[in-house]
Amino acid sequence: MDRAMIAHFGLTTRFLDSVFHGRRDGGEAEWPPSPLRAFQALVAAAAATRRLEETYPALRWLERRAPPILIAPAGIISVKPGQAVIFY
């Protein structure tokens, strides 16, 4: 395999809602979503569609990559009593 061809990997995430409720350890609002959260979503989608076995090599490849550079739009934190959400 030509290593130059796999120098970059892009993943675009489209949320179903314009509000994100993710939290970091300690309860702090998280934006952008962590790479671990995105990876967990990919694994869950593969399992939900019963395609985990066929996607396993790709998931293992992705899991072994160096930490990514994240590019995301700015988020606006809105804090309501007992709730923090991020609008993007």
N, C-alpha and C. Protein backbone atom coordinates (compact mmCIF):
# COMPACT_ATOMS: atom_id res chain seq x y z
N MET A 1 0.84 -1.18 0.00
CA MET A 1 0.00 0.00 0.00
C MET A 1 0.89 1.24 0.00
N ASP A 2 0.54 2.22 -0.81
CA ASP A 2 1.29 3.47 -0.90
C ASP A 2 0.94 4.34 0.30
N ARG A 3 1.91 4.56 1.19
CA ARG A 3 1.66 5.33 2.41
C ARG A 3 1.25 6.77 2.12
N ALA A 4 1.70 7.33 1.01
CA ALA A 4 1.33 8.71 0.68
C ALA A 4 -0.16 8.83 0.45
N MET A 5 -0.79 7.77 0.05
CA MET A 5 -2.23 7.83 -0.22
C MET A 5 -3.05 7.88 1.06
N ILE A 6 -2.49 7.48 2.19
CA ILE A 6 -3.26 7.47 3.43
C ILE A 6 -2.71 8.49 4.43
N ALA A 7 -2.09 9.54 3.95
CA ALA A 7 -1.52 10.55 4.83
C ALA A 7 -2.60 11.35 5.54
N HIS A 8 -3.77 11.46 4.94
CA HIS A 8 -4.85 12.24 5.54
C HIS A 8 -6.14 11.44 5.52
N PHE A 9 -6.89 11.60 6.57
CA PHE A 9 -8.19 10.95 6.68
C PHE A 9 -9.16 12.01 7.18
N GLY A 10 -10.25 12.19 6.50
CA GLY A 10 -11.25 13.18 6.92
C GLY A 10 -12.54 12.49 7.34
N LEU A 11 -13.14 13.01 8.37
CA LEU A 11 -14.41 12.48 8.85
C LEU A 11 -15.33 13.67 9.09
N THR A 12 -16.43 13.70 8.40
CA THR A 12 -17.42 14.76 8.58
C THR A 12 -18.57 14.20 9.39
N THR A 13 -18.97 14.92 10.40
CA THR A 13 -20.08 14.50 11.26
C THR A 13 -21.22 15.48 11.09
N ARG A 14 -22.39 14.96 10.83
CA ARG A 14 -23.58 15.80 10.70
C ARG A 14 -24.53 15.42 11.84
N PHE A 15 -24.77 16.36 12.71
CA PHE A 15 -25.66 16.11 13.85
C PHE A 15 -27.11 16.26 13.41
N LEU A 16 -27.99 15.53 14.05
CA LEU A 16 -29.41 15.60 13.72
C LEU A 16 -30.08 16.83 14.32
N ASP A 17 -29.42 17.45 15.27
CA ASP A 17 -29.96 18.62 15.95
C ASP A 17 -28.84 19.66 16.03
N SER A 18 -29.18 20.91 16.22
CA SER A 18 -28.15 21.95 16.31
C SER A 18 -27.64 22.15 17.73
N VAL A 19 -27.98 21.23 18.61
CA VAL A 19 -27.55 21.30 20.01
C VAL A 19 -26.76 20.03 20.34
N PHE A 20 -25.62 20.19 20.98
CA PHE A 20 -24.78 19.06 21.38
C PHE A 20 -24.68 19.05 22.89
N HIS A 21 -24.89 17.91 23.52
CA HIS A 21 -24.93 17.81 24.97
C HIS A 21 -23.72 17.08 25.56
N GLY A 22 -22.67 16.87 24.78
CA GLY A 22 -21.51 16.11 25.26
C GLY A 22 -20.80 16.78 26.42
N ARG A 23 -20.23 15.96 27.28
CA ARG A 23 -19.51 16.44 28.47
C ARG A 23 -18.13 15.81 28.54
N ARG A 24 -17.16 16.58 28.98
CA ARG A 24 -15.82 16.07 29.29
C ARG A 24 -15.86 15.45 30.68
N ASP A 25 -14.77 14.83 31.05
CA ASP A 25 -14.65 14.34 32.42
C ASP A 25 -14.83 15.54 33.35
N GLY A 26 -15.55 15.36 34.40
CA GLY A 26 -15.79 16.45 35.34
C GLY A 26 -17.03 17.26 35.01
N GLY A 27 -17.72 16.92 33.91
CA GLY A 27 -18.98 17.57 33.59
C GLY A 27 -18.89 18.82 32.75
N GLU A 28 -17.67 19.25 32.37
CA GLU A 28 -17.51 20.45 31.55
C GLU A 28 -18.04 20.19 30.14
N ALA A 29 -18.72 21.20 29.58
CA ALA A 29 -19.25 21.07 28.22
C ALA A 29 -18.11 20.78 27.25
N GLU A 30 -18.34 19.87 26.31
CA GLU A 30 -17.31 19.45 25.37
C GLU A 30 -17.62 19.96 23.96
N TRP A 31 -16.71 20.70 23.39
CA TRP A 31 -16.80 21.09 21.99
C TRP A 31 -15.40 21.35 21.46
N PRO A 32 -15.04 20.84 20.34
CA PRO A 32 -15.80 19.89 19.53
C PRO A 32 -15.82 18.51 20.20
N PRO A 33 -16.66 17.63 19.69
CA PRO A 33 -16.70 16.28 20.26
C PRO A 33 -15.32 15.62 20.17
N SER A 34 -15.00 14.85 21.18
CA SER A 34 -13.68 14.21 21.23
C SER A 34 -13.57 13.14 20.14
N PRO A 35 -12.34 12.86 19.70
CA PRO A 35 -12.14 11.77 18.74
C PRO A 35 -12.67 10.43 19.27
N LEU A 36 -12.55 10.20 20.57
CA LEU A 36 -13.08 8.97 21.15
C LEU A 36 -14.59 8.89 20.96
N ARG A 37 -15.29 9.99 21.15
CA ARG A 37 -16.75 10.01 20.98
C ARG A 37 -17.11 9.67 19.53
N ALA A 38 -16.38 10.22 18.58
CA ALA A 38 -16.64 9.94 17.16
C ALA A 38 -16.36 8.46 16.86
N PHE A 39 -15.27 7.93 17.40
CA PHE A 39 -14.95 6.53 17.18
C PHE A 39 -16.02 5.62 17.77
N GLN A 40 -16.48 5.95 18.97
CA GLN A 40 -17.54 5.15 19.60
C GLN A 40 -18.81 5.17 18.75
N ALA A 41 -19.11 6.29 18.14
CA ALA A 41 -20.29 6.39 17.27
C ALA A 41 -20.13 5.50 16.04
N LEU A 42 -18.93 5.45 15.47
CA LEU A 42 -18.69 4.58 14.32
C LEU A 42 -18.85 3.10 14.70
N VAL A 43 -18.31 2.72 15.84
CA VAL A 43 -18.44 1.33 16.30
C VAL A 43 -19.91 1.00 16.57
N ALA A 44 -20.62 1.91 17.21
CA ALA A 44 -22.04 1.67 17.51
C ALA A 44 -22.85 1.55 16.22
N ALA A 45 -22.56 2.37 15.23
CA ALA A 45 -23.28 2.30 13.95
C ALA A 45 -23.00 0.97 13.26
N ALA A 46 -21.75 0.53 13.28
CA ALA A 46 -21.41 -0.75 12.66
C ALA A 46 -22.12 -1.90 13.36
N ALA A 47 -22.17 -1.86 14.68
CA ALA A 47 -22.84 -2.91 15.45
C ALA A 47 -24.35 -2.88 15.23
N ALA A 48 -24.94 -1.68 15.18
CA ALA A 48 -26.39 -1.56 15.01
C ALA A 48 -26.85 -2.06 13.65
N THR A 49 -25.98 -1.97 12.67
CA THR A 49 -26.33 -2.43 11.32
C THR A 49 -25.80 -3.83 11.04
N ARG A 50 -25.31 -4.49 12.09
CA ARG A 50 -24.77 -5.84 12.00
C ARG A 50 -23.63 -5.94 10.98
N ARG A 51 -22.79 -4.91 10.95
CA ARG A 51 -21.66 -4.89 10.02
C ARG A 51 -20.33 -4.77 10.77
N LEU A 52 -20.34 -5.08 12.05
CA LEU A 52 -19.13 -4.92 12.86
C LEU A 52 -18.00 -5.81 12.35
N GLU A 53 -18.31 -7.04 11.99
CA GLU A 53 -17.26 -7.96 11.54
C GLU A 53 -16.61 -7.47 10.24
N GLU A 54 -17.40 -6.99 9.30
CA GLU A 54 -16.81 -6.55 8.03
C GLU A 54 -16.11 -5.20 8.13
N THR A 55 -16.47 -4.39 9.11
CA THR A 55 -15.81 -3.09 9.28
C THR A 55 -14.66 -3.14 10.28
N TYR A 56 -14.47 -4.29 10.92
CA TYR A 56 -13.43 -4.44 11.94
C TYR A 56 -12.05 -4.00 11.46
N PRO A 57 -11.58 -4.43 10.28
CA PRO A 57 -10.24 -3.99 9.85
C PRO A 57 -10.12 -2.47 9.73
N ALA A 58 -11.14 -1.82 9.21
CA ALA A 58 -11.09 -0.36 9.07
C ALA A 58 -11.12 0.32 10.44
N LEU A 59 -11.94 -0.20 11.35
CA LEU A 59 -12.00 0.37 12.70
C LEU A 59 -10.68 0.20 13.43
N ARG A 60 -10.05 -0.96 13.27
CA ARG A 60 -8.74 -1.18 13.91
C ARG A 60 -7.70 -0.23 13.33
N TRP A 61 -7.74 -0.03 12.00
CA TRP A 61 -6.80 0.89 11.36
C TRP A 61 -6.98 2.29 11.94
N LEU A 62 -8.22 2.74 12.03
CA LEU A 62 -8.52 4.07 12.55
C LEU A 62 -8.09 4.20 14.01
N GLU A 63 -8.33 3.17 14.78
CA GLU A 63 -7.98 3.17 16.20
C GLU A 63 -6.48 3.34 16.43
N ARG A 64 -5.68 2.88 15.50
CA ARG A 64 -4.22 2.91 15.64
C ARG A 64 -3.57 4.19 15.13
N ARG A 65 -4.32 5.12 14.62
CA ARG A 65 -3.77 6.36 14.10
C ARG A 65 -3.36 7.28 15.24
N ALA A 66 -2.47 8.20 14.92
CA ALA A 66 -2.06 9.23 15.89
C ALA A 66 -3.26 10.13 16.20
N PRO A 67 -3.23 10.83 17.33
CA PRO A 67 -4.32 11.75 17.65
C PRO A 67 -4.55 12.74 16.51
N PRO A 68 -5.79 12.98 16.17
CA PRO A 68 -6.10 13.83 15.01
C PRO A 68 -6.04 15.33 15.31
N ILE A 69 -5.98 16.08 14.24
CA ILE A 69 -6.17 17.53 14.31
C ILE A 69 -7.66 17.76 14.07
N LEU A 70 -8.30 18.49 14.97
CA LEU A 70 -9.73 18.73 14.84
C LEU A 70 -10.01 20.10 14.25
N ILE A 71 -10.92 20.14 13.31
CA ILE A 71 -11.38 21.40 12.73
C ILE A 71 -12.89 21.41 12.89
N ALA A 72 -13.40 22.41 13.58
CA ALA A 72 -14.84 22.48 13.84
C ALA A 72 -15.28 23.93 13.92
N PRO A 73 -16.54 24.20 13.60
CA PRO A 73 -17.04 25.56 13.76
C PRO A 73 -17.07 25.95 15.23
N ALA A 74 -17.10 27.23 15.48
CA ALA A 74 -17.18 27.71 16.87
C ALA A 74 -18.49 27.26 17.50
N GLY A 75 -18.44 26.97 18.76
CA GLY A 75 -19.63 26.61 19.50
C GLY A 75 -19.96 27.70 20.49
N ILE A 76 -21.22 27.85 20.80
CA ILE A 76 -21.67 28.83 21.79
C ILE A 76 -22.25 28.06 22.96
N ILE A 77 -21.64 28.23 24.13
CA ILE A 77 -22.12 27.52 25.30
C ILE A 77 -23.27 28.29 25.92
N SER A 78 -24.36 27.59 26.13
CA SER A 78 -25.54 28.17 26.77
C SER A 78 -25.78 27.39 28.05
N VAL A 79 -25.74 28.09 29.17
CA VAL A 79 -25.91 27.42 30.45
C VAL A 79 -27.25 27.81 31.04
N LYS A 80 -28.05 26.80 31.27
CA LYS A 80 -29.33 26.96 31.96
C LYS A 80 -29.17 26.25 33.29
N PRO A 81 -29.98 26.56 34.27
CA PRO A 81 -29.84 25.86 35.55
C PRO A 81 -29.87 24.35 35.36
N GLY A 82 -28.78 23.68 35.76
CA GLY A 82 -28.71 22.23 35.68
C GLY A 82 -28.42 21.68 34.29
N GLN A 83 -28.17 22.56 33.31
CA GLN A 83 -27.96 22.08 31.95
C GLN A 83 -27.01 23.00 31.21
N ALA A 84 -26.08 22.41 30.47
CA ALA A 84 -25.21 23.18 29.59
C ALA A 84 -25.27 22.53 28.21
N VAL A 85 -25.53 23.30 27.20
CA VAL A 85 -25.57 22.80 25.84
C VAL A 85 -24.70 23.67 24.97
N ILE A 86 -24.28 23.15 23.84
CA ILE A 86 -23.47 23.91 22.91
C ILE A 86 -24.22 24.01 21.61
N PHE A 87 -24.41 25.24 21.14
CA PHE A 87 -25.02 25.50 19.86
C PHE A 87 -23.88 25.70 18.87
N TYR A 88 -23.98 25.12 17.71
CA TYR A 88 -22.93 25.27 16.71
C TYR A 88 -23.52 25.72 15.41
